[in-house]
Amino acid sequence: MLPLHQATPARPASPAVATAQQLQERLPPAYRSIAEIRSHRGVALLLLGRDLRVWVYRDRVEWDNGLTDVATGKKCYSRMPADQVDQAASLIVARFCRLRAGQD
């Protein structure tokens, strides 16, 4: 008889990955299916297709808002505290819709 193997408990997700998963769960089903989460050294990256990247840190969520700082020429980013997942998700969905519609 083969010995029984115990399943090793899953390693708890980092706070950033947990927040990225919460964001992904709040996306509409069509977007959720193309969303992918990657992580490295405590930072999670939520990819929405090729169009939008959302950086998730322990304390905040950031994404390109489509604007450019006229003084520096650098991209501007929207930021939300990590504990405001619902509001961040709705803003991210709105940004993704604008990108898909070719408005940004």
PDB file of N, CA and C in Angstrom:
ATOM      1  N   MET A   1       0.841  -1.178   0.000  1.00  0.00           N
ATOM      2  CA  MET A   1       0.000   0.000   0.000  1.00  0.00           C
ATOM      3  C   MET A   1       0.893   1.250   0.000  1.00  0.00           C
ATOM      4  N   LEU A   2       0.549   2.204  -0.818  1.00  0.00           N
ATOM      5  CA  LEU A   2       1.324   3.439  -0.909  1.00  0.00           C
ATOM      6  C   LEU A   2       1.042   4.318   0.300  1.00  0.00           C
ATOM      7  N   PRO A   3       2.052   5.003   0.790  1.00  0.00           N
ATOM      8  CA  PRO A   3       1.813   5.899   1.926  1.00  0.00           C
ATOM      9  C   PRO A   3       0.966   7.091   1.487  1.00  0.00           C
ATOM     10  N   LEU A   4       0.155   7.546   2.401  1.00  0.00           N
ATOM     11  CA  LEU A   4      -0.662   8.735   2.131  1.00  0.00           C
ATOM     12  C   LEU A   4       0.206   9.977   2.267  1.00  0.00           C
ATOM     13  N   HIS A   5       0.057  10.871   1.350  1.00  0.00           N
ATOM     14  CA  HIS A   5       0.809  12.122   1.408  1.00  0.00           C
ATOM     15  C   HIS A   5      -0.119  13.205   1.912  1.00  0.00           C
ATOM     16  N   GLN A   6       0.360  13.929   2.862  1.00  0.00           N
ATOM     17  CA  GLN A   6      -0.429  15.046   3.359  1.00  0.00           C
ATOM     18  C   GLN A   6      -0.193  16.242   2.456  1.00  0.00           C
ATOM     19  N   ALA A   7      -1.262  16.928   2.178  1.00  0.00           N
ATOM     20  CA  ALA A   7      -1.119  18.144   1.381  1.00  0.00           C
ATOM     21  C   ALA A   7      -0.427  19.196   2.236  1.00  0.00           C
ATOM     22  N   THR A   8       0.523  19.846   1.639  1.00  0.00           N
ATOM     23  CA  THR A   8       1.183  20.915   2.373  1.00  0.00           C
ATOM     24  C   THR A   8       0.278  22.137   2.351  1.00  0.00           C
ATOM     25  N   PRO A   9       0.170  22.804   3.479  1.00  0.00           N
ATOM     26  CA  PRO A   9      -0.713  23.975   3.505  1.00  0.00           C
ATOM     27  C   PRO A   9      -0.214  25.048   2.545  1.00  0.00           C
ATOM     28  N   ALA A  10      -1.149  25.698   1.904  1.00  0.00           N
ATOM     29  CA  ALA A  10      -0.788  26.761   0.964  1.00  0.00           C
ATOM     30  C   ALA A  10      -0.121  27.905   1.721  1.00  0.00           C
ATOM     31  N   ARG A  11       0.894  28.429   1.108  1.00  0.00           N
ATOM     32  CA  ARG A  11       1.588  29.569   1.696  1.00  0.00           C
ATOM     33  C   ARG A  11       0.670  30.776   1.629  1.00  0.00           C
ATOM     34  N   PRO A  12       0.514  31.493   2.739  1.00  0.00           N
ATOM     35  CA  PRO A  12      -0.384  32.657   2.697  1.00  0.00           C
ATOM     36  C   PRO A  12       0.114  33.690   1.691  1.00  0.00           C
ATOM     37  N   ALA A  13      -0.808  34.272   0.986  1.00  0.00           N
ATOM     38  CA  ALA A  13      -0.458  35.300  -0.003  1.00  0.00           C
ATOM     39  C   ALA A  13       0.052  36.541   0.716  1.00  0.00           C
ATOM     40  N   SER A  14       0.950  37.243   0.063  1.00  0.00           N
ATOM     41  CA  SER A  14       1.414  38.510   0.628  1.00  0.00           C
ATOM     42  C   SER A  14       0.233  39.478   0.634  1.00  0.00           C
ATOM     43  N   PRO A  15       0.310  40.530   1.448  1.00  0.00           N
ATOM     44  CA  PRO A  15      -0.773  41.512   1.447  1.00  0.00           C
ATOM     45  C   PRO A  15      -1.049  42.088   0.057  1.00  0.00           C
ATOM     46  N   ALA A  16      -0.005  42.297  -0.721  1.00  0.00           N
ATOM     47  CA  ALA A  16      -0.189  42.845  -2.070  1.00  0.00           C
ATOM     48  C   ALA A  16      -0.921  41.855  -2.962  1.00  0.00           C
ATOM     49  N   VAL A  17      -0.553  40.583  -2.902  1.00  0.00           N
ATOM     50  CA  VAL A  17      -1.224  39.566  -3.719  1.00  0.00           C
ATOM     51  C   VAL A  17      -2.671  39.412  -3.276  1.00  0.00           C
ATOM     52  N   ALA A  18      -2.912  39.423  -1.975  1.00  0.00           N
ATOM     53  CA  ALA A  18      -4.283  39.316  -1.470  1.00  0.00           C
ATOM     54  C   ALA A  18      -5.139  40.476  -1.981  1.00  0.00           C
ATOM     55  N   THR A  19      -4.588  41.686  -1.989  1.00  0.00           N
ATOM     56  CA  THR A  19      -5.323  42.847  -2.506  1.00  0.00           C
ATOM     57  C   THR A  19      -5.544  42.713  -4.010  1.00  0.00           C
ATOM     58  N   ALA A  20      -4.540  42.251  -4.745  1.00  0.00           N
ATOM     59  CA  ALA A  20      -4.694  42.050  -6.192  1.00  0.00           C
ATOM     60  C   ALA A  20      -5.787  41.023  -6.478  1.00  0.00           C
ATOM     61  N   GLN A  21      -5.859  39.980  -5.675  1.00  0.00           N
ATOM     62  CA  GLN A  21      -6.911  38.978  -5.850  1.00  0.00           C
ATOM     63  C   GLN A  21      -8.282  39.569  -5.581  1.00  0.00           C
ATOM     64  N   GLN A  22      -8.372  40.423  -4.569  1.00  0.00           N
ATOM     65  CA  GLN A  22      -9.644  41.096  -4.281  1.00  0.00           C
ATOM     66  C   GLN A  22     -10.050  42.001  -5.441  1.00  0.00           C
ATOM     67  N   LEU A  23      -9.084  42.718  -5.995  1.00  0.00           N
ATOM     68  CA  LEU A  23      -9.377  43.562  -7.158  1.00  0.00           C
ATOM     69  C   LEU A  23      -9.874  42.712  -8.320  1.00  0.00           C
ATOM     70  N   GLN A  24      -9.181  41.620  -8.584  1.00  0.00           N
ATOM     71  CA  GLN A  24      -9.558  40.741  -9.694  1.00  0.00           C
ATOM     72  C   GLN A  24     -10.979  40.202  -9.505  1.00  0.00           C
ATOM     73  N   GLU A  25     -11.340  39.846  -8.285  1.00  0.00           N
ATOM     74  CA  GLU A  25     -12.674  39.327  -8.000  1.00  0.00           C
ATOM     75  C   GLU A  25     -13.761  40.363  -8.253  1.00  0.00           C
ATOM     76  N   ARG A  26     -13.423  41.624  -8.154  1.00  0.00           N
ATOM     77  CA  ARG A  26     -14.415  42.695  -8.329  1.00  0.00           C
ATOM     78  C   ARG A  26     -14.538  43.172  -9.778  1.00  0.00           C
ATOM     79  N   LEU A  27     -13.717  42.636 -10.663  1.00  0.00           N
ATOM     80  CA  LEU A  27     -13.806  42.994 -12.078  1.00  0.00           C
ATOM     81  C   LEU A  27     -15.018  42.311 -12.711  1.00  0.00           C
ATOM     82  N   PRO A  28     -15.589  42.914 -13.752  1.00  0.00           N
ATOM     83  CA  PRO A  28     -16.650  42.222 -14.493  1.00  0.00           C
ATOM     84  C   PRO A  28     -16.102  40.907 -15.059  1.00  0.00           C
ATOM     85  N   PRO A  29     -16.959  39.888 -15.210  1.00  0.00           N
ATOM     86  CA  PRO A  29     -16.491  38.573 -15.674  1.00  0.00           C
ATOM     87  C   PRO A  29     -15.649  38.617 -16.949  1.00  0.00           C
ATOM     88  N   ALA A  30     -16.004  39.436 -17.906  1.00  0.00           N
ATOM     89  CA  ALA A  30     -15.242  39.499 -19.162  1.00  0.00           C
ATOM     90  C   ALA A  30     -13.820  39.991 -18.910  1.00  0.00           C
ATOM     91  N   TYR A  31     -13.633  40.893 -17.970  1.00  0.00           N
ATOM     92  CA  TYR A  31     -12.304  41.405 -17.656  1.00  0.00           C
ATOM     93  C   TYR A  31     -11.570  40.454 -16.727  1.00  0.00           C
ATOM     94  N   ARG A  32     -12.311  39.832 -15.825  1.00  0.00           N
ATOM     95  CA  ARG A  32     -11.708  38.897 -14.876  1.00  0.00           C
ATOM     96  C   ARG A  32     -11.021  37.754 -15.621  1.00  0.00           C
ATOM     97  N   SER A  33     -11.615  37.347 -16.741  1.00  0.00           N
ATOM     98  CA  SER A  33     -11.064  36.204 -17.480  1.00  0.00           C
ATOM     99  C   SER A  33      -9.736  36.536 -18.162  1.00  0.00           C
ATOM    100  N   ILE A  34      -9.460  37.808 -18.424  1.00  0.00           N
ATOM    101  CA  ILE A  34      -8.188  38.167 -19.060  1.00  0.00           C
ATOM    102  C   ILE A  34      -7.181  38.718 -18.056  1.00  0.00           C
ATOM    103  N   ALA A  35      -7.611  38.895 -16.806  1.00  0.00           N
ATOM    104  CA  ALA A  35      -6.721  39.456 -15.784  1.00  0.00           C
ATOM    105  C   ALA A  35      -5.749  38.391 -15.287  1.00  0.00           C
ATOM    106  N   GLU A  36      -4.534  38.820 -15.060  1.00  0.00           N
ATOM    107  CA  GLU A  36      -3.490  37.912 -14.594  1.00  0.00           C
ATOM    108  C   GLU A  36      -2.730  38.598 -13.466  1.00  0.00           C
ATOM    109  N   ILE A  37      -2.402  37.834 -12.435  1.00  0.00           N
ATOM    110  CA  ILE A  37      -1.657  38.387 -11.305  1.00  0.00           C
ATOM    111  C   ILE A  37      -0.262  37.785 -11.291  1.00  0.00           C
ATOM    112  N   ARG A  38       0.713  38.653 -11.163  1.00  0.00           N
ATOM    113  CA  ARG A  38       2.101  38.239 -10.988  1.00  0.00           C
ATOM    114  C   ARG A  38       2.622  38.926  -9.735  1.00  0.00           C
ATOM    115  N   SER A  39       3.616  38.346  -9.122  1.00  0.00           N
ATOM    116  CA  SER A  39       4.155  38.994  -7.924  1.00  0.00           C
ATOM    117  C   SER A  39       5.654  38.745  -7.819  1.00  0.00           C
ATOM    118  N   HIS A  40       6.296  39.665  -7.144  1.00  0.00           N
ATOM    119  CA  HIS A  40       7.741  39.565  -6.916  1.00  0.00           C
ATOM    120  C   HIS A  40       8.099  40.470  -5.743  1.00  0.00           C
ATOM    121  N   ARG A  41       8.731  39.893  -4.758  1.00  0.00           N
ATOM    122  CA  ARG A  41       9.246  40.650  -3.616  1.00  0.00           C
ATOM    123  C   ARG A  41       8.224  41.569  -2.965  1.00  0.00           C
ATOM    124  N   GLY A  42       7.044  41.047  -2.727  1.00  0.00           N
ATOM    125  CA  GLY A  42       6.037  41.801  -1.993  1.00  0.00           C
ATOM    126  C   GLY A  42       5.219  42.773  -2.813  1.00  0.00           C
ATOM    127  N   VAL A  43       5.453  42.830  -4.114  1.00  0.00           N
ATOM    128  CA  VAL A  43       4.669  43.693  -5.003  1.00  0.00           C
ATOM    129  C   VAL A  43       3.906  42.792  -5.967  1.00  0.00           C
ATOM    130  N   ALA A  44       2.629  43.094  -6.169  1.00  0.00           N
ATOM    131  CA  ALA A  44       1.824  42.334  -7.123  1.00  0.00           C
ATOM    132  C   ALA A  44       1.540  43.209  -8.335  1.00  0.00           C
ATOM    133  N   LEU A  45       1.418  42.567  -9.462  1.00  0.00           N
ATOM    134  CA  LEU A  45       1.084  43.254 -10.699  1.00  0.00           C
ATOM    135  C   LEU A  45      -0.162  42.592 -11.258  1.00  0.00           C
ATOM    136  N   LEU A  46      -1.229  43.365 -11.393  1.00  0.00           N
ATOM    137  CA  LEU A  46      -2.469  42.879 -11.987  1.00  0.00           C
ATOM    138  C   LEU A  46      -2.474  43.359 -13.433  1.00  0.00           C
ATOM    139  N   LEU A  47      -2.402  42.422 -14.357  1.00  0.00           N
ATOM    140  CA  LEU A  47      -2.370  42.749 -15.784  1.00  0.00           C
ATOM    141  C   LEU A  47      -3.763  42.565 -16.363  1.00  0.00           C
ATOM    142  N   LEU A  48      -4.244  43.589 -17.041  1.00  0.00           N
ATOM    143  CA  LEU A  48      -5.521  43.496 -17.756  1.00  0.00           C
ATOM    144  C   LEU A  48      -5.192  43.518 -19.240  1.00  0.00           C
ATOM    145  N   GLY A  49      -5.022  42.334 -19.784  1.00  0.00           N
ATOM    146  CA  GLY A  49      -4.613  42.230 -21.177  1.00  0.00           C
ATOM    147  C   GLY A  49      -3.287  42.934 -21.371  1.00  0.00           C
ATOM    148  N   ARG A  50      -3.129  43.527 -22.534  1.00  0.00           N
ATOM    149  CA  ARG A  50      -1.912  44.301 -22.814  1.00  0.00           C
ATOM    150  C   ARG A  50      -2.110  45.777 -22.518  1.00  0.00           C
ATOM    151  N   ASP A  51      -3.322  46.132 -22.139  1.00  0.00           N
ATOM    152  CA  ASP A  51      -3.673  47.543 -22.036  1.00  0.00           C
ATOM    153  C   ASP A  51      -3.350  48.221 -20.712  1.00  0.00           C
ATOM    154  N   LEU A  52      -3.521  47.498 -19.619  1.00  0.00           N
ATOM    155  CA  LEU A  52      -3.440  48.176 -18.322  1.00  0.00           C
ATOM    156  C   LEU A  52      -2.695  47.323 -17.305  1.00  0.00           C
ATOM    157  N   ARG A  53      -1.774  47.973 -16.616  1.00  0.00           N
ATOM    158  CA  ARG A  53      -1.029  47.341 -15.539  1.00  0.00           C
ATOM    159  C   ARG A  53      -1.361  48.067 -14.247  1.00  0.00           C
ATOM    160  N   VAL A  54      -1.687  47.276 -13.238  1.00  0.00           N
ATOM    161  CA  VAL A  54      -2.032  47.826 -11.926  1.00  0.00           C
ATOM    162  C   VAL A  54      -0.989  47.302 -10.936  1.00  0.00           C
ATOM    163  N   TRP A  55      -0.244  48.207 -10.329  1.00  0.00           N
ATOM    164  CA  TRP A  55       0.753  47.833  -9.336  1.00  0.00           C
ATOM    165  C   TRP A  55       0.084  47.841  -7.977  1.00  0.00           C
ATOM    166  N   VAL A  56       0.266  46.755  -7.253  1.00  0.00           N
ATOM    167  CA  VAL A  56      -0.360  46.619  -5.937  1.00  0.00           C
ATOM    168  C   VAL A  56       0.748  46.433  -4.904  1.00  0.00           C
ATOM    169  N   TYR A  57       0.794  47.366  -3.976  1.00  0.00           N
ATOM    170  CA  TYR A  57       1.752  47.323  -2.879  1.00  0.00           C
ATOM    171  C   TYR A  57       0.994  46.977  -1.600  1.00  0.00           C
ATOM    172  N   ARG A  58       1.716  46.800  -0.527  1.00  0.00           N
ATOM    173  CA  ARG A  58       1.073  46.462   0.744  1.00  0.00           C
ATOM    174  C   ARG A  58       0.056  47.520   1.156  1.00  0.00           C
ATOM    175  N   ASP A  59       0.353  48.785   0.885  1.00  0.00           N
ATOM    176  CA  ASP A  59      -0.471  49.878   1.386  1.00  0.00           C
ATOM    177  C   ASP A  59      -1.239  50.658   0.320  1.00  0.00           C
ATOM    178  N   ARG A  60      -0.984  50.363  -0.976  1.00  0.00           N
ATOM    179  CA  ARG A  60      -1.638  51.168  -2.015  1.00  0.00           C
ATOM    180  C   ARG A  60      -1.729  50.408  -3.338  1.00  0.00           C
ATOM    181  N   VAL A  61      -2.563  50.965  -4.211  1.00  0.00           N
ATOM    182  CA  VAL A  61      -2.779  50.437  -5.561  1.00  0.00           C
ATOM    183  C   VAL A  61      -2.530  51.595  -6.519  1.00  0.00           C
ATOM    184  N   GLU A  62      -1.796  51.352  -7.613  1.00  0.00           N
ATOM    185  CA  GLU A  62      -1.477  52.420  -8.581  1.00  0.00           C
ATOM    186  C   GLU A  62      -1.702  51.931 -10.005  1.00  0.00           C
ATOM    187  N   TRP A  63      -2.147  52.836 -10.875  1.00  0.00           N
ATOM    188  CA  TRP A  63      -2.301  52.519 -12.299  1.00  0.00           C
ATOM    189  C   TRP A  63      -2.163  53.790 -13.114  1.00  0.00           C
ATOM    190  N   ASP A  64      -1.758  53.644 -14.348  1.00  0.00           N
ATOM    191  CA  ASP A  64      -1.593  54.749 -15.293  1.00  0.00           C
ATOM    192  C   ASP A  64      -2.973  55.341 -15.568  1.00  0.00           C
ATOM    193  N   ASN A  65      -3.119  56.635 -15.315  1.00  0.00           N
ATOM    194  CA  ASN A  65      -4.437  57.249 -15.512  1.00  0.00           C
ATOM    195  C   ASN A  65      -4.603  57.894 -16.887  1.00  0.00           C
ATOM    196  N   GLY A  66      -3.595  57.762 -17.741  1.00  0.00           N
ATOM    197  CA  GLY A  66      -3.725  58.281 -19.099  1.00  0.00           C
ATOM    198  C   GLY A  66      -3.278  59.716 -19.268  1.00  0.00           C
ATOM    199  N   LEU A  67      -2.878  60.365 -18.196  1.00  0.00           N
ATOM    200  CA  LEU A  67      -2.438  61.756 -18.271  1.00  0.00           C
ATOM    201  C   LEU A  67      -0.916  61.830 -18.251  1.00  0.00           C
ATOM    202  N   THR A  68      -0.395  62.933 -18.737  1.00  0.00           N
ATOM    203  CA  THR A  68       1.041  63.182 -18.723  1.00  0.00           C
ATOM    204  C   THR A  68       1.292  64.516 -18.034  1.00  0.00           C
ATOM    205  N   ASP A  69       2.247  64.536 -17.146  1.00  0.00           N
ATOM    206  CA  ASP A  69       2.631  65.764 -16.461  1.00  0.00           C
ATOM    207  C   ASP A  69       3.296  66.675 -17.484  1.00  0.00           C
ATOM    208  N   VAL A  70       2.718  67.855 -17.727  1.00  0.00           N
ATOM    209  CA  VAL A  70       3.254  68.745 -18.757  1.00  0.00           C
ATOM    210  C   VAL A  70       4.628  69.290 -18.390  1.00  0.00           C
ATOM    211  N   ALA A  71       4.905  69.395 -17.098  1.00  0.00           N
ATOM    212  CA  ALA A  71       6.199  69.936 -16.667  1.00  0.00           C
ATOM    213  C   ALA A  71       7.328  68.927 -16.869  1.00  0.00           C
ATOM    214  N   THR A  72       7.042  67.663 -16.631  1.00  0.00           N
ATOM    215  CA  THR A  72       8.107  66.656 -16.688  1.00  0.00           C
ATOM    216  C   THR A  72       7.995  65.716 -17.885  1.00  0.00           C
ATOM    217  N   GLY A  73       6.813  65.644 -18.486  1.00  0.00           N
ATOM    218  CA  GLY A  73       6.596  64.715 -19.595  1.00  0.00           C
ATOM    219  C   GLY A  73       6.406  63.273 -19.146  1.00  0.00           C
ATOM    220  N   LYS A  74       6.327  63.052 -17.837  1.00  0.00           N
ATOM    221  CA  LYS A  74       6.158  61.700 -17.306  1.00  0.00           C
ATOM    222  C   LYS A  74       4.685  61.351 -17.150  1.00  0.00           C
ATOM    223  N   LYS A  75       4.395  60.041 -17.221  1.00  0.00           N
ATOM    224  CA  LYS A  75       3.031  59.567 -17.014  1.00  0.00           C
ATOM    225  C   LYS A  75       2.572  59.874 -15.600  1.00  0.00           C
ATOM    226  N   CYS A  76       1.283  60.110 -15.466  1.00  0.00           N
ATOM    227  CA  CYS A  76       0.677  60.309 -14.151  1.00  0.00           C
ATOM    228  C   CYS A  76      -0.037  59.027 -13.742  1.00  0.00           C
ATOM    229  N   TYR A  77      -0.059  58.777 -12.466  1.00  0.00           N
ATOM    230  CA  TYR A  77      -0.671  57.559 -11.932  1.00  0.00           C
ATOM    231  C   TYR A  77      -1.732  57.905 -10.906  1.00  0.00           C
ATOM    232  N   SER A  78      -2.814  57.156 -10.943  1.00  0.00           N
ATOM    233  CA  SER A  78      -3.836  57.258  -9.906  1.00  0.00           C
ATOM    234  C   SER A  78      -3.428  56.325  -8.789  1.00  0.00           C
ATOM    235  N   ARG A  79      -3.721  56.734  -7.561  1.00  0.00           N
ATOM    236  CA  ARG A  79      -3.376  55.925  -6.394  1.00  0.00           C
ATOM    237  C   ARG A  79      -4.571  55.848  -5.456  1.00  0.00           C
ATOM    238  N   MET A  80      -4.716  54.682  -4.864  1.00  0.00           N
ATOM    239  CA  MET A  80      -5.756  54.469  -3.852  1.00  0.00           C
ATOM    240  C   MET A  80      -5.134  53.673  -2.717  1.00  0.00           C
ATOM    241  N   PRO A  81      -5.581  53.908  -1.483  1.00  0.00           N
ATOM    242  CA  PRO A  81      -5.126  53.046  -0.392  1.00  0.00           C
ATOM    243  C   PRO A  81      -5.582  51.604  -0.646  1.00  0.00           C
ATOM    244  N   ALA A  82      -4.785  50.652  -0.234  1.00  0.00           N
ATOM    245  CA  ALA A  82      -5.082  49.238  -0.489  1.00  0.00           C
ATOM    246  C   ALA A  82      -6.365  48.777   0.180  1.00  0.00           C
ATOM    247  N   ASP A  83      -6.806  49.481   1.205  1.00  0.00           N
ATOM    248  CA  ASP A  83      -8.035  49.060   1.875  1.00  0.00           C
ATOM    249  C   ASP A  83      -9.301  49.588   1.199  1.00  0.00           C
ATOM    250  N   GLN A  84      -9.157  50.329   0.114  1.00  0.00           N
ATOM    251  CA  GLN A  84     -10.317  50.842  -0.629  1.00  0.00           C
ATOM    252  C   GLN A  84     -10.452  50.092  -1.957  1.00  0.00           C
ATOM    253  N   VAL A  85     -10.544  48.771  -1.855  1.00  0.00           N
ATOM    254  CA  VAL A  85     -10.544  47.898  -3.025  1.00  0.00           C
ATOM    255  C   VAL A  85     -11.747  48.155  -3.934  1.00  0.00           C
ATOM    256  N   ASP A  86     -12.928  48.334  -3.364  1.00  0.00           N
ATOM    257  CA  ASP A  86     -14.120  48.538  -4.195  1.00  0.00           C
ATOM    258  C   ASP A  86     -13.994  49.786  -5.063  1.00  0.00           C
ATOM    259  N   GLN A  87     -13.580  50.884  -4.452  1.00  0.00           N
ATOM    260  CA  GLN A  87     -13.437  52.136  -5.208  1.00  0.00           C
ATOM    261  C   GLN A  87     -12.315  52.022  -6.238  1.00  0.00           C
ATOM    262  N   ALA A  88     -11.195  51.418  -5.849  1.00  0.00           N
ATOM    263  CA  ALA A  88     -10.085  51.245  -6.787  1.00  0.00           C
ATOM    264  C   ALA A  88     -10.522  50.391  -7.975  1.00  0.00           C
ATOM    265  N   ALA A  89     -11.244  49.314  -7.711  1.00  0.00           N
ATOM    266  CA  ALA A  89     -11.704  48.429  -8.793  1.00  0.00           C
ATOM    267  C   ALA A  89     -12.599  49.177  -9.769  1.00  0.00           C
ATOM    268  N   SER A  90     -13.502  50.002  -9.257  1.00  0.00           N
ATOM    269  CA  SER A  90     -14.398  50.721 -10.167  1.00  0.00           C
ATOM    270  C   SER A  90     -13.625  51.732 -11.016  1.00  0.00           C
ATOM    271  N   LEU A  91     -12.622  52.387 -10.451  1.00  0.00           N
ATOM    272  CA  LEU A  91     -11.810  53.334 -11.219  1.00  0.00           C
ATOM    273  C   LEU A  91     -10.938  52.603 -12.244  1.00  0.00           C
ATOM    274  N   ILE A  92     -10.425  51.457 -11.870  1.00  0.00           N
ATOM    275  CA  ILE A  92      -9.604  50.660 -12.794  1.00  0.00           C
ATOM    276  C   ILE A  92     -10.452  50.171 -13.963  1.00  0.00           C
ATOM    277  N   VAL A  93     -11.669  49.729 -13.684  1.00  0.00           N
ATOM    278  CA  VAL A  93     -12.574  49.280 -14.751  1.00  0.00           C
ATOM    279  C   VAL A  93     -12.892  50.450 -15.688  1.00  0.00           C
ATOM    280  N   ALA A  94     -13.139  51.630 -15.129  1.00  0.00           N
ATOM    281  CA  ALA A  94     -13.431  52.805 -15.958  1.00  0.00           C
ATOM    282  C   ALA A  94     -12.238  53.137 -16.850  1.00  0.00           C
ATOM    283  N   ARG A  95     -11.040  53.070 -16.300  1.00  0.00           N
ATOM    284  CA  ARG A  95      -9.829  53.340 -17.093  1.00  0.00           C
ATOM    285  C   ARG A  95      -9.665  52.301 -18.198  1.00  0.00           C
ATOM    286  N   PHE A  96      -9.893  51.024 -17.865  1.00  0.00           N
ATOM    287  CA  PHE A  96      -9.760  49.959 -18.843  1.00  0.00           C
ATOM    288  C   PHE A  96     -10.788  50.121 -19.962  1.00  0.00           C
ATOM    289  N   CYS A  97     -12.003  50.526 -19.618  1.00  0.00           N
ATOM    290  CA  CYS A  97     -13.040  50.762 -20.642  1.00  0.00           C
ATOM    291  C   CYS A  97     -12.626  51.882 -21.586  1.00  0.00           C
ATOM    292  N   ARG A  98     -12.039  52.960 -21.044  1.00  0.00           N
ATOM    293  CA  ARG A  98     -11.571  54.060 -21.894  1.00  0.00           C
ATOM    294  C   ARG A  98     -10.464  53.583 -22.831  1.00  0.00           C
ATOM    295  N   LEU A  99      -9.562  52.769 -22.306  1.00  0.00           N
ATOM    296  CA  LEU A  99      -8.477  52.242 -23.154  1.00  0.00           C
ATOM    297  C   LEU A  99      -9.033  51.370 -24.264  1.00  0.00           C
ATOM    298  N   ARG A 100      -9.971  50.502 -23.942  1.00  0.00           N
ATOM    299  CA  ARG A 100     -10.535  49.583 -24.934  1.00  0.00           C
ATOM    300  C   ARG A 100     -11.342  50.330 -25.989  1.00  0.00           C
ATOM    301  N   ALA A 101     -11.912  51.462 -25.591  1.00  0.00           N
ATOM    302  CA  ALA A 101     -12.697  52.260 -26.529  1.00  0.00           C
ATOM    303  C   ALA A 101     -11.810  53.186 -27.362  1.00  0.00           C
ATOM    304  N   GLY A 102     -10.504  53.176 -27.083  1.00  0.00           N
ATOM    305  CA  GLY A 102      -9.582  54.009 -27.836  1.00  0.00           C
ATOM    306  C   GLY A 102      -9.623  55.460 -27.440  1.00  0.00           C
ATOM    307  N   GLN A 103     -10.120  55.748 -26.239  1.00  0.00           N
ATOM    308  CA  GLN A 103     -10.231  57.131 -25.795  1.00  0.00           C
ATOM    309  C   GLN A 103      -8.967  57.646 -25.124  1.00  0.00           C
ATOM    310  N   ASP A 104      -8.057  56.780 -24.794  1.00  0.00           N
ATOM    311  CA  ASP A 104      -6.785  57.189 -24.170  1.00  0.00           C
ATOM    312  C   ASP A 104      -5.636  56.542 -24.879  1.00  0.00           C
TER     313      ASP A 104
END
